[in-house]
Amino acid sequence: MTARAWLERQRALLDFTLASLGRRPGKNLALLLVYALVVFALASTLLFTAALRREAALVLRGAPDVVVQRLVAGRHDPIPAAEVARLASIRGVSAATGRRWGYYFDRGSRANLTVQVPPAWWGGDGEVVVGEGVARARRAAPGEDFPMLAASGHFIHLRVREVIPADSALVSSDLVLLSDGDFQRLFGDDPARFTDVALTVPNAREVPMVAEKVVKLIPQARAITRAELQRTYESVFDRRSGLVVALLATAVLAFAVVAWDKAAGLSAEERREIGVLKALGWETSDVLLVKLQEGAVVSLLAFAAGVLAAYAHVFLGSAWLFAAALKGWSTLSPDYRLTPDVSPLELTTLFFLSVVPYTVATVVPAWRAATADPDEVMRS
C-alpha cells in the first residue's frame, strides 16, 4: 500500500468516525460536557496552586536568610535587643537586624491586621501606609484618619499616607506600616526588645550551619531559614489544593462511573453497527481504530475545552470559584491578577490521567464485539 493510499484510508476512517459521533449527538455532547467539567475543575486547581506557589517563591526571594525568634515555654516571646549584637557576631553572618511586627484585631472590619515597622520608614510619626485589603475594609483613602485601639485602652489617631498598590496584594493586603514610635504606642512594647531578628548570610551554603550556631548560642531561640519558609508555603498550598480535589471527588467519581459504563460494554445499536461493518468486510483493526478515534476525539475536545476554560477562570477570572479555599484569607482576601505559570509536567499528568484511560476504555468493548461472529453480534 502506497503512502497516498494509506493516507486516503486514514482520512476515510476519520470521516466515518466523525459521522458515527454525529449519529448520537445527545449522548456524545452530554459526555463531552461532563468530561470537560471534570477536566476544568482539576485543571483550575492545578493551575491556581502552581501560580500561587510561583508567587510565593518570588515573594520569598526577598525574605531574610534566617529569622531568629525567641521561645519561652514553647510560645513566641520578644527577643532582647542585646541579643542582636551576639547574633551579628556569628561567623558567616554579615548583618543582624531587629524587627518589630505584630497582629492587630480590627473591630470595625473584624479582621486581623499585620502591623509592621519597615526597615526604612519613609513616613513620619502619626502616619500609616496600608495594604489594599485594609483600605477596602476600612474604606480608607490617603489623607484620611485611621484610628487604632492601643494596648492602653485609648485610641491613637493616625493618618493614611498612602495605599500599597494592588500588584503586591498577595503579601500586603492585610499590612499596616508605621513608625517605630507609633508601634510602641500601639502595642506598649519595650523599646529594648524586638519581635524577631533577621540575619543576612551572604553564602547560601552556610545558612544551615548558621541556623545551628544560633540555637547553640541562644538555647531559647528558634532559627527559621528561607528554605524552610518556602517548604512551608508549598506544603500549605499542596494541602489546600488536596482539600479542593477531595471536594471535587464527587464529580470525579461521576466521571469514573461514566468511563466504567463505557468500558463495561457497548449499546445494542453500537454492537449492531460493528456487526454490519464486519459483515461488509471491515477488518478488526479498522473497527478498533474507529472506536479508538471516537474516544480520542471526545477526550481531546473535552481536555482542550476544560484546560482553556480553567486558564480563563484562573488567570482572567482570578479563580473566583476556588480562591477562598486556596488563598487562605477570609475578611481581607487580596484582589490581584496571577501571572500565568503553566507547568508542562502537570498538564501532561492531567492528560494521561483523563484522556488515556477513557480512550482505552472505548477500545476494550469494541475489541470484544469486533472479534465475535458478525451474525451473533447483530442478533444480540
Protein backbone atom coordinates (compact mmCIF):
# COMPACT_ATOMS: atom_id res chain seq x y z
CA MET A 1 0.00 0.00 0.00
CA THR A 2 1.40 3.35 -1.06
CA ALA A 3 1.66 6.28 1.31
CA ARG A 4 -1.08 8.15 -0.56
CA ALA A 5 -3.41 5.18 -0.38
CA TRP A 6 -2.69 4.81 3.34
CA LEU A 7 -3.46 8.47 3.95
CA GLU A 8 -6.72 8.19 1.96
CA ARG A 9 -7.66 5.16 4.04
CA GLN A 10 -7.00 7.02 7.28
CA ARG A 11 -8.99 10.03 6.08
CA ALA A 12 -11.93 7.79 5.20
CA LEU A 13 -11.79 6.15 8.63
CA LEU A 14 -11.70 9.56 10.31
CA ASP A 15 -14.68 10.74 8.24
CA PHE A 16 -16.57 7.64 9.33
CA THR A 17 -15.59 8.30 12.97
CA LEU A 18 -16.93 11.85 12.87
CA ALA A 19 -20.11 10.68 11.15
CA SER A 20 -20.55 7.98 13.81
CA LEU A 21 -20.22 10.60 16.57
CA GLY A 22 -22.76 12.79 14.77
CA ARG A 23 -25.34 10.00 14.75
CA ARG A 24 -25.52 10.16 18.56
CA PRO A 25 -25.23 13.91 19.25
CA GLY A 26 -27.16 13.98 22.53
CA LYS A 27 -25.18 11.23 24.21
CA ASN A 28 -21.81 12.49 22.99
CA LEU A 29 -22.50 16.13 23.88
CA ALA A 30 -23.61 15.15 27.40
CA LEU A 31 -20.49 13.02 27.80
CA LEU A 32 -18.32 15.83 26.43
CA LEU A 33 -19.84 18.33 28.88
CA VAL A 34 -19.32 16.12 31.93
CA TYR A 35 -15.81 15.24 30.79
CA ALA A 36 -14.88 18.91 30.21
CA LEU A 37 -16.28 19.96 33.60
CA VAL A 38 -14.15 17.37 35.40
CA VAL A 39 -11.02 18.46 33.49
CA PHE A 40 -11.91 22.11 34.16
CA ALA A 41 -12.20 21.59 37.91
CA LEU A 42 -8.97 19.62 38.21
CA ALA A 43 -7.02 21.90 35.86
CA SER A 44 -8.24 25.02 37.70
CA THR A 45 -6.95 23.63 40.97
CA LEU A 46 -3.58 22.67 39.45
CA LEU A 47 -3.09 25.97 37.62
CA PHE A 48 -4.14 28.11 40.58
CA THR A 49 -1.95 26.22 43.05
CA ALA A 50 1.04 26.39 40.69
CA ALA A 51 0.55 30.14 40.20
CA LEU A 52 0.29 30.75 43.95
CA ARG A 53 3.39 28.64 44.54
CA ARG A 54 5.26 30.72 41.96
CA GLU A 55 4.11 33.99 43.56
CA ALA A 56 5.17 32.72 46.99
CA ALA A 57 8.61 31.77 45.64
CA LEU A 58 9.04 35.26 44.15
CA VAL A 59 7.99 36.87 47.44
CA LEU A 60 10.35 34.72 49.49
CA ARG A 61 13.31 35.78 47.37
CA GLY A 62 13.36 38.97 49.40
CA ALA A 63 12.89 37.22 52.74
CA PRO A 64 15.74 37.13 55.28
CA ASP A 65 18.18 34.25 55.02
CA VAL A 66 17.50 33.33 58.65
CA VAL A 67 14.80 34.59 61.04
CA VAL A 68 15.54 34.19 64.74
CA GLN A 69 12.68 34.03 67.24
CA ARG A 70 12.77 33.56 70.99
CA LEU A 71 10.58 30.91 72.62
CA VAL A 72 9.52 30.84 76.26
CA ALA A 73 7.64 27.72 77.35
CA GLY A 74 7.05 26.95 73.68
CA ARG A 75 5.46 30.35 72.96
CA HIS A 76 6.87 33.22 70.95
CA ASP A 77 8.38 35.97 73.11
CA PRO A 78 10.17 39.25 72.20
CA ILE A 79 13.92 38.96 71.97
CA PRO A 80 16.14 41.40 73.94
CA ALA A 81 17.96 43.98 71.85
CA ALA A 82 21.24 42.89 73.47
CA GLU A 83 20.98 39.56 71.64
CA VAL A 84 21.16 41.28 68.25
CA ALA A 85 24.86 42.06 68.68
CA ARG A 86 25.57 38.47 69.74
CA LEU A 87 23.79 37.14 66.65
CA ALA A 88 25.72 39.54 64.41
CA SER A 89 28.99 38.13 65.78
CA ILE A 90 28.26 34.65 64.43
CA ARG A 91 30.74 33.70 61.73
CA GLY A 92 29.07 33.84 58.33
CA VAL A 93 26.51 36.49 59.34
CA SER A 94 27.03 39.84 57.66
CA ALA A 95 24.13 41.69 59.32
CA ALA A 96 21.59 41.18 62.11
CA THR A 97 18.53 43.45 62.19
CA GLY A 98 15.91 43.55 64.92
CA ARG A 99 12.32 43.72 63.61
CA ARG A 100 9.06 44.80 65.19
CA TRP A 101 5.72 43.48 63.98
CA GLY A 102 2.51 42.16 65.45
CA TYR A 103 -1.14 41.30 64.84
CA TYR A 104 -3.94 43.75 65.50
CA PHE A 105 -7.62 42.77 65.58
CA ASP A 106 -9.65 45.50 63.91
CA ARG A 107 -13.13 45.54 65.39
CA GLY A 108 -14.57 47.63 62.57
CA SER A 109 -13.70 45.21 59.78
CA ARG A 110 -13.49 42.16 62.10
CA ALA A 111 -10.15 41.25 60.54
CA ASN A 112 -6.64 40.60 61.82
CA LEU A 113 -4.17 43.16 60.50
CA THR A 114 -0.42 42.69 60.30
CA VAL A 115 1.27 45.75 61.79
CA GLN A 116 4.95 46.19 60.97
CA VAL A 117 7.77 48.70 61.27
CA PRO A 118 9.58 48.67 57.90
CA PRO A 119 13.41 48.61 57.84
CA ALA A 120 13.45 52.10 56.33
CA TRP A 121 10.36 54.08 57.27
CA TRP A 122 9.72 56.82 54.70
CA GLY A 123 6.88 58.47 56.59
CA GLY A 124 6.68 60.32 59.86
CA ASP A 125 5.15 59.74 63.27
CA GLY A 126 1.35 59.68 63.13
CA GLU A 127 1.28 58.29 59.57
CA VAL A 128 0.49 54.81 58.25
CA VAL A 129 0.78 53.03 54.93
CA VAL A 130 -1.95 50.40 54.47
CA GLY A 131 -2.48 47.48 52.12
CA GLU A 132 -5.21 47.30 49.51
CA GLY A 133 -7.35 44.94 51.62
CA VAL A 134 -7.10 47.18 54.70
CA ALA A 135 -8.06 50.27 52.69
CA ARG A 136 -11.01 48.39 51.20
CA ALA A 137 -12.24 47.06 54.56
CA ARG A 138 -11.78 50.39 56.37
CA ARG A 139 -12.87 52.48 53.36
CA ALA A 140 -9.71 54.48 53.97
CA ALA A 141 -8.06 56.75 51.43
CA PRO A 142 -4.83 58.76 51.57
CA GLY A 143 -5.15 61.73 53.91
CA GLU A 144 -7.99 60.23 55.98
CA ASP A 145 -7.98 59.43 59.70
CA PHE A 146 -7.02 55.88 60.71
CA PRO A 147 -7.84 55.28 64.40
CA MET A 148 -6.40 52.23 66.19
CA LEU A 149 -7.10 51.00 69.72
CA ALA A 150 -3.83 50.92 71.66
CA ALA A 151 -2.86 48.46 74.39
CA SER A 152 -3.52 51.24 76.92
CA GLY A 153 -7.21 51.18 76.00
CA HIS A 154 -7.16 54.58 74.26
CA PHE A 155 -7.40 55.27 70.56
CA ILE A 156 -4.43 56.68 68.72
CA HIS A 157 -5.32 58.63 65.59
CA LEU A 158 -3.06 58.12 62.60
CA ARG A 159 -3.30 59.48 59.08
CA VAL A 160 -3.18 57.34 55.94
CA ARG A 161 -0.11 58.40 54.00
CA GLU A 162 -0.67 56.06 51.03
CA VAL A 163 -2.19 52.75 49.97
CA ILE A 164 0.12 49.97 48.82
CA PRO A 165 -0.59 49.12 45.15
CA ALA A 166 -2.70 46.04 44.48
CA ASP A 167 0.16 44.46 42.48
CA SER A 168 1.69 43.28 45.76
CA ALA A 169 -1.62 42.36 47.40
CA LEU A 170 -0.54 38.75 47.90
CA VAL A 171 1.72 39.84 50.77
CA SER A 172 0.43 43.34 51.59
CA SER A 173 -3.36 43.03 51.58
CA ASP A 174 -3.63 43.00 55.40
CA LEU A 175 -0.49 45.06 56.07
CA VAL A 176 -0.20 48.28 58.10
CA LEU A 177 3.20 50.02 58.10
CA LEU A 178 4.05 52.70 60.68
CA SER A 179 6.93 54.26 62.57
CA ASP A 180 8.75 52.61 65.44
CA GLY A 181 7.38 55.18 67.92
CA ASP A 182 3.77 54.60 66.83
CA PHE A 183 4.29 50.84 67.03
CA GLN A 184 5.43 51.14 70.64
CA ARG A 185 2.47 53.40 71.43
CA LEU A 186 0.07 50.91 69.86
CA PHE A 187 1.37 47.74 71.49
CA GLY A 188 3.05 49.23 74.56
CA ASP A 189 6.27 47.43 73.70
CA ASP A 190 9.61 47.80 75.43
CA PRO A 191 11.97 49.67 73.04
CA ALA A 192 14.79 47.36 74.14
CA ARG A 193 13.03 44.26 72.75
CA PHE A 194 12.30 43.08 69.20
CA THR A 195 9.72 40.71 67.79
CA ASP A 196 12.43 38.76 65.97
CA VAL A 197 15.82 39.23 64.33
CA ALA A 198 16.62 38.93 60.60
CA LEU A 199 20.06 37.58 59.72
CA THR A 200 21.80 38.12 56.39
CA VAL A 201 24.08 35.26 55.30
CA PRO A 202 25.92 36.03 52.02
CA ASN A 203 26.96 32.41 51.42
CA ALA A 204 23.81 30.31 50.90
CA ARG A 205 25.71 27.10 51.75
CA GLU A 206 26.44 28.41 55.24
CA VAL A 207 22.76 29.05 56.10
CA PRO A 208 22.14 25.62 57.75
CA MET A 209 25.35 25.96 59.81
CA VAL A 210 24.40 29.49 60.89
CA ALA A 211 20.98 28.22 61.99
CA GLU A 212 22.66 25.56 64.14
CA LYS A 213 25.02 28.13 65.67
CA VAL A 214 22.07 30.38 66.56
CA VAL A 215 20.42 27.61 68.59
CA LYS A 216 23.72 26.79 70.33
CA LEU A 217 24.34 30.47 71.13
CA ILE A 218 20.79 31.14 72.36
CA PRO A 219 19.12 27.90 73.54
CA GLN A 220 15.69 29.56 73.74
CA ALA A 221 15.92 30.66 70.10
CA ARG A 222 14.36 29.15 67.01
CA ALA A 223 16.10 29.70 63.66
CA ILE A 224 13.89 29.62 60.56
CA THR A 225 15.63 29.56 57.19
CA ARG A 226 14.22 30.85 53.92
CA ALA A 227 14.19 27.30 52.52
CA GLU A 228 12.03 26.16 55.46
CA LEU A 229 9.62 29.03 54.82
CA GLN A 230 9.35 28.04 51.17
CA ARG A 231 8.70 24.40 52.06
CA THR A 232 6.01 25.53 54.50
CA TYR A 233 4.27 27.61 51.83
CA GLU A 234 4.42 24.74 49.35
CA SER A 235 3.01 22.26 51.85
CA VAL A 236 0.17 24.66 52.72
CA PHE A 237 -0.75 25.15 49.06
CA ASP A 238 -0.48 21.42 48.39
CA ARG A 239 -2.73 20.66 51.36
CA ARG A 240 -5.32 23.22 50.29
CA SER A 241 -5.30 22.00 46.71
CA GLY A 242 -5.74 18.47 48.05
CA LEU A 243 -8.78 19.60 50.02
CA VAL A 244 -10.30 21.15 46.91
CA VAL A 245 -9.64 17.98 44.92
CA ALA A 246 -11.27 16.00 47.73
CA LEU A 247 -14.33 18.23 47.47
CA LEU A 248 -14.35 17.56 43.74
CA ALA A 249 -14.22 13.81 44.35
CA THR A 250 -17.95 13.53 43.67
CA ALA A 251 -17.51 14.94 40.18
CA VAL A 252 -14.50 12.73 39.55
CA LEU A 253 -16.46 9.71 40.79
CA ALA A 254 -19.35 10.58 38.46
CA PHE A 255 -16.97 10.68 35.53
CA ALA A 256 -15.39 7.40 36.62
CA VAL A 257 -18.86 5.81 36.56
CA VAL A 258 -19.36 7.12 33.02
CA ALA A 259 -15.98 5.76 31.93
CA TRP A 260 -16.71 2.41 33.58
CA ASP A 261 -20.08 2.25 31.85
CA LYS A 262 -18.26 2.89 28.56
CA ALA A 263 -15.77 0.14 29.32
CA ALA A 264 -18.38 -2.33 30.52
CA GLY A 265 -19.95 -2.70 27.11
CA LEU A 266 -21.46 -1.12 24.03
CA SER A 267 -25.07 -0.27 23.44
CA ALA A 268 -27.15 -2.58 21.25
CA GLU A 269 -27.03 -0.02 18.43
CA GLU A 270 -23.22 0.21 18.57
CA ARG A 271 -22.86 -3.58 18.62
CA ARG A 272 -25.11 -3.93 15.57
CA GLU A 273 -23.07 -1.25 13.81
CA ILE A 274 -19.87 -3.20 14.43
CA GLY A 275 -21.53 -6.40 13.25
CA VAL A 276 -22.61 -4.72 10.00
CA LEU A 277 -19.10 -3.38 9.42
CA LYS A 278 -17.60 -6.81 9.97
CA ALA A 279 -20.14 -8.37 7.62
CA LEU A 280 -19.21 -5.81 4.95
CA GLY A 281 -15.59 -6.92 5.14
CA TRP A 282 -14.07 -4.48 7.62
CA GLU A 283 -11.01 -5.79 9.42
CA THR A 284 -10.90 -5.96 13.21
CA SER A 285 -8.05 -3.42 13.24
CA ASP A 286 -10.20 -0.95 11.28
CA VAL A 287 -13.09 -1.29 13.75
CA LEU A 288 -10.75 -0.82 16.69
CA LEU A 289 -9.15 2.19 15.03
CA VAL A 290 -12.54 3.84 14.51
CA LYS A 291 -13.53 3.28 18.14
CA LEU A 292 -10.14 4.48 19.31
CA GLN A 293 -10.59 7.61 17.23
CA GLU A 294 -14.08 8.17 18.69
CA GLY A 295 -12.69 8.06 22.21
CA ALA A 296 -9.71 10.21 21.27
CA VAL A 297 -11.89 12.88 19.63
CA VAL A 298 -14.18 13.13 22.67
CA SER A 299 -11.24 13.04 25.09
CA LEU A 300 -9.13 15.64 23.28
CA LEU A 301 -12.07 18.02 22.79
CA ALA A 302 -13.03 17.72 26.47
CA PHE A 303 -9.42 18.12 27.60
CA ALA A 304 -8.83 21.17 25.41
CA ALA A 305 -12.13 22.80 26.43
CA GLY A 306 -11.55 22.06 30.11
CA VAL A 307 -7.96 23.36 30.16
CA LEU A 308 -8.81 26.52 28.19
CA ALA A 309 -11.77 27.24 30.47
CA ALA A 310 -9.56 26.63 33.53
CA TYR A 311 -6.91 29.00 32.15
CA ALA A 312 -9.50 31.75 31.66
CA HIS A 313 -11.02 31.03 35.08
CA VAL A 314 -7.69 31.25 36.92
CA PHE A 315 -5.80 33.97 35.09
CA LEU A 316 -8.65 36.14 33.78
CA GLY A 317 -11.34 35.50 36.40
CA SER A 318 -8.97 35.32 39.42
CA ALA A 319 -10.18 31.77 40.14
CA TRP A 320 -13.30 33.04 41.86
CA LEU A 321 -14.69 29.53 42.31
CA PHE A 322 -11.75 28.20 44.38
CA ALA A 323 -9.96 31.37 45.51
CA ALA A 324 -11.44 31.43 49.01
CA ALA A 325 -10.33 27.86 49.70
CA LEU A 326 -6.83 28.18 48.25
CA LYS A 327 -5.77 31.71 49.19
CA GLY A 328 -6.38 31.26 52.89
CA TRP A 329 -7.57 34.80 53.63
CA SER A 330 -11.05 35.50 54.95
CA THR A 331 -12.10 39.11 55.50
CA LEU A 332 -9.16 40.71 53.71
CA SER A 333 -8.88 38.42 50.72
CA PRO A 334 -6.43 40.09 48.30
CA ASP A 335 -7.65 41.20 44.91
CA TYR A 336 -4.91 40.67 42.31
CA ARG A 337 -4.18 39.02 38.97
CA LEU A 338 -1.96 35.98 38.91
CA THR A 339 0.85 35.62 36.41
CA PRO A 340 0.28 32.60 34.14
CA ASP A 341 2.53 29.72 35.13
CA VAL A 342 1.54 26.57 33.26
CA SER A 343 3.63 23.53 34.11
CA PRO A 344 4.04 21.08 31.18
CA LEU A 345 4.56 18.24 33.66
CA GLU A 346 1.25 18.91 35.45
CA LEU A 347 -0.66 19.25 32.18
CA THR A 348 0.92 16.03 30.90
CA THR A 349 -0.04 14.25 34.12
CA LEU A 350 -3.60 15.54 33.84
CA PHE A 351 -3.68 14.46 30.19
CA PHE A 352 -2.64 10.90 30.94
CA LEU A 353 -4.98 10.66 33.93
CA SER A 354 -8.02 11.87 31.98
CA VAL A 355 -7.57 11.24 28.25
CA VAL A 356 -5.71 7.95 28.12
CA PRO A 357 -7.97 5.89 30.49
CA TYR A 358 -11.17 6.92 28.73
CA THR A 359 -9.71 6.38 25.25
CA VAL A 360 -8.54 2.89 26.21
CA ALA A 361 -11.92 2.20 27.83
CA THR A 362 -13.64 2.71 24.49
CA VAL A 363 -11.44 0.11 22.78
CA VAL A 364 -11.97 -2.84 25.15
CA PRO A 365 -15.72 -3.44 24.48
CA ALA A 366 -15.18 -2.69 20.78
CA TRP A 367 -12.50 -5.38 20.61
CA ARG A 368 -14.86 -7.91 22.19
CA ALA A 369 -17.56 -7.13 19.65
CA ALA A 370 -15.15 -6.98 16.69
CA THR A 371 -13.65 -10.39 17.42
CA ALA A 372 -17.04 -12.09 17.78
CA ASP A 373 -19.07 -13.63 14.94
CA PRO A 374 -20.83 -10.80 12.98
CA ASP A 375 -24.13 -12.72 12.84
CA GLU A 376 -24.05 -13.27 16.60
CA VAL A 377 -23.24 -9.63 17.23
CA MET A 378 -26.10 -8.36 15.06
CA ARG A 379 -28.56 -10.73 16.74
CA SER A 380 -27.55 -9.69 20.28
